Amino acid sequence: QKAQMQLELDEDLQGSTKLGDLEIALRIFAKLVLGDKANDILRWTMIDLIKESPYYQELIEQGLSEGRQQGLQQGLQQGQKDESAKLVARQLTKRFGDIGEPLETRLRQLSLEQTEDLAVSIFDFNNLDDVQSWLTNVGLGLEK
């Protein structure tokens, strides 16, 4: 408590970034020496200590940036998957006529890799029953 008071009263440290750094160092040492008693004596918690750290905001920004990047990547992958499913639906419609909403729904459930495999397999199909069999083999068969 005396060390904290001395830091707060030191005129050279007032308004300086060093004051915050020294207070954080004091909290760390107090926590190491006193353990949980430091929280009672100094009314500090580890969360307060972490939030006041100069690295806290940097870590938060880094985490947000990584989260945005992952979200963007997932969005791009989903868009690519949706476009592939639309293309395969158009190919099937051109080849066999109206394929119906249930089949279109199943196509949207395929992974990108499965959709690409189906696009190649279209040339092997003679009718929509062949498509049905192919979907059944990947676990997405239509209910009759």
C-alpha atoms as a PDB file:
ATOM      1  CA  GLN A   1       0.000   0.000   0.000  1.00  0.00           C
ATOM      2  CA  LYS A   2       2.897   2.343   0.796  1.00  0.00           C
ATOM      3  CA  ALA A   3       4.508   1.644  -2.558  1.00  0.00           C
ATOM      4  CA  GLN A   4       1.242   2.356  -4.314  1.00  0.00           C
ATOM      5  CA  MET A   5       0.846   5.643  -2.448  1.00  0.00           C
ATOM      6  CA  GLN A   6       4.405   6.676  -3.287  1.00  0.00           C
ATOM      7  CA  LEU A   7       3.789   6.003  -6.950  1.00  0.00           C
ATOM      8  CA  GLU A   8       0.569   8.023  -6.913  1.00  0.00           C
ATOM      9  CA  LEU A   9       2.219  10.947  -5.102  1.00  0.00           C
ATOM     10  CA  ASP A  10       5.387  11.106  -7.215  1.00  0.00           C
ATOM     11  CA  GLU A  11       5.025  14.322  -9.215  1.00  0.00           C
ATOM     12  CA  ASP A  12       7.557  13.233 -11.818  1.00  0.00           C
ATOM     13  CA  LEU A  13       5.373  10.240 -12.688  1.00  0.00           C
ATOM     14  CA  GLN A  14       2.026  12.069 -12.840  1.00  0.00           C
ATOM     15  CA  GLY A  15       0.655  12.030 -16.385  1.00  0.00           C
ATOM     16  CA  SER A  16       3.450   9.736 -17.521  1.00  0.00           C
ATOM     17  CA  THR A  17       3.019   6.336 -19.137  1.00  0.00           C
ATOM     18  CA  LYS A  18       5.682   5.111 -16.725  1.00  0.00           C
ATOM     19  CA  LEU A  19       3.206   5.444 -13.850  1.00  0.00           C
ATOM     20  CA  GLY A  20       0.898   2.846 -15.400  1.00  0.00           C
ATOM     21  CA  ASP A  21       3.796   0.521 -16.140  1.00  0.00           C
ATOM     22  CA  LEU A  22       5.111   0.818 -12.575  1.00  0.00           C
ATOM     23  CA  GLU A  23       1.655   0.210 -11.113  1.00  0.00           C
ATOM     24  CA  ILE A  24       1.324  -2.929 -13.204  1.00  0.00           C
ATOM     25  CA  ALA A  25       4.769  -4.115 -12.093  1.00  0.00           C
ATOM     26  CA  LEU A  26       3.807  -3.412  -8.472  1.00  0.00           C
ATOM     27  CA  ARG A  27       0.615  -5.422  -8.869  1.00  0.00           C
ATOM     28  CA  ILE A  28       2.490  -8.349 -10.375  1.00  0.00           C
ATOM     29  CA  PHE A  29       5.044  -8.381  -7.554  1.00  0.00           C
ATOM     30  CA  ALA A  30       2.338  -7.978  -4.908  1.00  0.00           C
ATOM     31  CA  LYS A  31       0.419 -10.885  -6.400  1.00  0.00           C
ATOM     32  CA  LEU A  32       3.563 -13.047  -6.472  1.00  0.00           C
ATOM     33  CA  VAL A  33       4.531 -12.221  -2.891  1.00  0.00           C
ATOM     34  CA  LEU A  34       1.120 -11.997  -1.235  1.00  0.00           C
ATOM     35  CA  GLY A  35      -0.948 -14.301  -3.425  1.00  0.00           C
ATOM     36  CA  ASP A  36      -4.686 -13.810  -3.007  1.00  0.00           C
ATOM     37  CA  LYS A  37      -4.069 -11.459  -0.069  1.00  0.00           C
ATOM     38  CA  ALA A  38      -2.929  -8.863  -2.615  1.00  0.00           C
ATOM     39  CA  ASN A  39      -6.494  -8.694  -3.947  1.00  0.00           C
ATOM     40  CA  ASP A  40      -7.863  -8.005  -0.455  1.00  0.00           C
ATOM     41  CA  ILE A  41      -5.196  -5.489   0.515  1.00  0.00           C
ATOM     42  CA  LEU A  42      -4.900  -3.635  -2.748  1.00  0.00           C
ATOM     43  CA  ARG A  43      -8.386  -4.351  -4.126  1.00  0.00           C
ATOM     44  CA  TRP A  44      -6.933  -5.637  -7.384  1.00  0.00           C
ATOM     45  CA  THR A  45      -7.971  -8.577  -9.422  1.00  0.00           C
ATOM     46  CA  MET A  46      -5.963 -10.332 -12.073  1.00  0.00           C
ATOM     47  CA  ILE A  47      -8.506  -9.252 -14.682  1.00  0.00           C
ATOM     48  CA  ASP A  48      -7.978  -5.606 -13.735  1.00  0.00           C
ATOM     49  CA  LEU A  49      -4.256  -6.182 -13.977  1.00  0.00           C
ATOM     50  CA  ILE A  50      -4.536  -7.700 -17.421  1.00  0.00           C
ATOM     51  CA  LYS A  51      -6.885  -5.003 -18.710  1.00  0.00           C
ATOM     52  CA  GLU A  52      -4.483  -2.278 -17.622  1.00  0.00           C
ATOM     53  CA  SER A  53      -1.558  -3.933 -19.314  1.00  0.00           C
ATOM     54  CA  PRO A  54      -0.261  -2.008 -22.327  1.00  0.00           C
ATOM     55  CA  TYR A  55      -0.420  -5.257 -24.296  1.00  0.00           C
ATOM     56  CA  TYR A  56      -4.098  -5.914 -23.602  1.00  0.00           C
ATOM     57  CA  GLN A  57      -5.453  -3.661 -26.359  1.00  0.00           C
ATOM     58  CA  GLU A  58      -2.865  -5.018 -28.778  1.00  0.00           C
ATOM     59  CA  LEU A  59      -3.996  -8.583 -28.035  1.00  0.00           C
ATOM     60  CA  ILE A  60      -7.661  -7.627 -28.407  1.00  0.00           C
ATOM     61  CA  GLU A  61      -6.984  -5.982 -31.768  1.00  0.00           C
ATOM     62  CA  GLN A  62      -4.988  -8.993 -32.940  1.00  0.00           C
ATOM     63  CA  GLY A  63      -7.795 -11.355 -31.932  1.00  0.00           C
ATOM     64  CA  LEU A  64     -10.405  -9.216 -33.682  1.00  0.00           C
ATOM     65  CA  SER A  65      -8.275  -9.028 -36.804  1.00  0.00           C
ATOM     66  CA  GLU A  66      -7.809 -12.798 -36.881  1.00  0.00           C
ATOM     67  CA  GLY A  67     -11.542 -13.310 -36.311  1.00  0.00           C
ATOM     68  CA  ARG A  68     -12.428 -10.959 -39.160  1.00  0.00           C
ATOM     69  CA  GLN A  69      -9.952 -12.744 -41.438  1.00  0.00           C
ATOM     70  CA  GLN A  70     -11.438 -16.150 -40.581  1.00  0.00           C
ATOM     71  CA  GLY A  71     -14.961 -14.826 -41.152  1.00  0.00           C
ATOM     72  CA  LEU A  72     -13.983 -13.403 -44.513  1.00  0.00           C
ATOM     73  CA  GLN A  73     -12.353 -16.688 -45.528  1.00  0.00           C
ATOM     74  CA  GLN A  74     -15.429 -18.678 -44.478  1.00  0.00           C
ATOM     75  CA  GLY A  75     -17.687 -16.254 -46.334  1.00  0.00           C
ATOM     76  CA  LEU A  76     -15.641 -16.625 -49.505  1.00  0.00           C
ATOM     77  CA  GLN A  77     -15.720 -20.415 -49.224  1.00  0.00           C
ATOM     78  CA  GLN A  78     -19.488 -20.399 -48.663  1.00  0.00           C
ATOM     79  CA  GLY A  79     -19.984 -18.117 -51.662  1.00  0.00           C
ATOM     80  CA  GLN A  80     -17.877 -20.390 -53.839  1.00  0.00           C
ATOM     81  CA  LYS A  81     -19.822 -23.429 -52.619  1.00  0.00           C
ATOM     82  CA  ASP A  82     -23.179 -21.731 -53.339  1.00  0.00           C
ATOM     83  CA  GLU A  83     -22.094 -20.702 -56.830  1.00  0.00           C
ATOM     84  CA  SER A  84     -20.893 -24.232 -57.588  1.00  0.00           C
ATOM     85  CA  ALA A  85     -24.210 -25.700 -56.426  1.00  0.00           C
ATOM     86  CA  LYS A  86     -26.112 -23.237 -58.686  1.00  0.00           C
ATOM     87  CA  LEU A  87     -23.947 -24.175 -61.652  1.00  0.00           C
ATOM     88  CA  VAL A  88     -24.486 -27.908 -61.124  1.00  0.00           C
ATOM     89  CA  ALA A  89     -28.244 -27.312 -60.777  1.00  0.00           C
ATOM     90  CA  ARG A  90     -28.241 -25.435 -64.091  1.00  0.00           C
ATOM     91  CA  GLN A  91     -26.262 -28.245 -65.756  1.00  0.00           C
ATOM     92  CA  LEU A  92     -28.674 -30.888 -64.467  1.00  0.00           C
ATOM     93  CA  THR A  93     -31.665 -28.808 -65.572  1.00  0.00           C
ATOM     94  CA  LYS A  94     -30.213 -28.375 -69.058  1.00  0.00           C
ATOM     95  CA  ARG A  95     -29.500 -32.103 -69.314  1.00  0.00           C
ATOM     96  CA  PHE A  96     -32.640 -33.593 -67.713  1.00  0.00           C
ATOM     97  CA  GLY A  97     -35.227 -30.791 -67.497  1.00  0.00           C
ATOM     98  CA  ASP A  98     -36.779 -29.482 -64.287  1.00  0.00           C
ATOM     99  CA  ILE A  99     -34.966 -31.027 -61.322  1.00  0.00           C
ATOM    100  CA  GLY A 100     -37.327 -29.774 -58.616  1.00  0.00           C
ATOM    101  CA  GLU A 101     -36.740 -27.955 -55.344  1.00  0.00           C
ATOM    102  CA  PRO A 102     -35.900 -31.067 -53.247  1.00  0.00           C
ATOM    103  CA  LEU A 103     -32.944 -31.870 -55.495  1.00  0.00           C
ATOM    104  CA  GLU A 104     -31.788 -28.238 -55.528  1.00  0.00           C
ATOM    105  CA  THR A 105     -31.902 -28.246 -51.725  1.00  0.00           C
ATOM    106  CA  ARG A 106     -29.742 -31.387 -51.640  1.00  0.00           C
ATOM    107  CA  LEU A 107     -27.243 -29.790 -54.009  1.00  0.00           C
ATOM    108  CA  ARG A 108     -26.823 -26.841 -51.624  1.00  0.00           C
ATOM    109  CA  GLN A 109     -26.042 -29.303 -48.821  1.00  0.00           C
ATOM    110  CA  LEU A 110     -23.059 -30.765 -50.638  1.00  0.00           C
ATOM    111  CA  SER A 111     -19.554 -29.694 -49.704  1.00  0.00           C
ATOM    112  CA  LEU A 112     -17.565 -27.821 -52.321  1.00  0.00           C
ATOM    113  CA  GLU A 113     -15.548 -30.968 -53.046  1.00  0.00           C
ATOM    114  CA  GLN A 114     -18.704 -33.079 -53.426  1.00  0.00           C
ATOM    115  CA  THR A 115     -20.236 -30.466 -55.726  1.00  0.00           C
ATOM    116  CA  GLU A 116     -17.136 -30.535 -57.912  1.00  0.00           C
ATOM    117  CA  ASP A 117     -17.242 -34.345 -57.984  1.00  0.00           C
ATOM    118  CA  LEU A 118     -20.902 -34.224 -58.991  1.00  0.00           C
ATOM    119  CA  ALA A 119     -20.139 -31.729 -61.772  1.00  0.00           C
ATOM    120  CA  VAL A 120     -17.658 -34.207 -63.258  1.00  0.00           C
ATOM    121  CA  SER A 121     -20.015 -37.156 -62.744  1.00  0.00           C
ATOM    122  CA  ILE A 122     -22.873 -35.465 -64.626  1.00  0.00           C
ATOM    123  CA  PHE A 123     -21.459 -36.870 -67.862  1.00  0.00           C
ATOM    124  CA  ASP A 124     -21.936 -40.403 -66.515  1.00  0.00           C
ATOM    125  CA  PHE A 125     -25.639 -39.948 -65.651  1.00  0.00           C
ATOM    126  CA  ASN A 126     -28.432 -41.064 -67.992  1.00  0.00           C
ATOM    127  CA  ASN A 127     -31.316 -39.677 -65.928  1.00  0.00           C
ATOM    128  CA  LEU A 128     -32.223 -38.102 -62.582  1.00  0.00           C
ATOM    129  CA  ASP A 129     -32.370 -41.558 -60.969  1.00  0.00           C
ATOM    130  CA  ASP A 130     -28.615 -41.778 -61.535  1.00  0.00           C
ATOM    131  CA  VAL A 131     -28.233 -38.426 -59.778  1.00  0.00           C
ATOM    132  CA  GLN A 132     -30.405 -39.783 -56.943  1.00  0.00           C
ATOM    133  CA  SER A 133     -28.154 -42.832 -56.628  1.00  0.00           C
ATOM    134  CA  TRP A 134     -25.043 -40.665 -56.584  1.00  0.00           C
ATOM    135  CA  LEU A 135     -26.527 -38.474 -53.830  1.00  0.00           C
ATOM    136  CA  THR A 136     -27.537 -41.559 -51.849  1.00  0.00           C
ATOM    137  CA  ASN A 137     -23.927 -42.756 -52.014  1.00  0.00           C
ATOM    138  CA  VAL A 138     -22.745 -39.503 -50.420  1.00  0.00           C
ATOM    139  CA  GLY A 139     -25.525 -39.644 -47.811  1.00  0.00           C
ATOM    140  CA  LEU A 140     -27.863 -37.054 -49.311  1.00  0.00           C
ATOM    141  CA  GLY A 141     -30.421 -39.177 -51.138  1.00  0.00           C
ATOM    142  CA  LEU A 142     -33.882 -37.830 -51.901  1.00  0.00           C
ATOM    143  CA  GLU A 143     -36.900 -39.226 -50.101  1.00  0.00           C
ATOM    144  CA  LYS A 144     -39.280 -40.910 -52.526  1.00  0.00           C
END
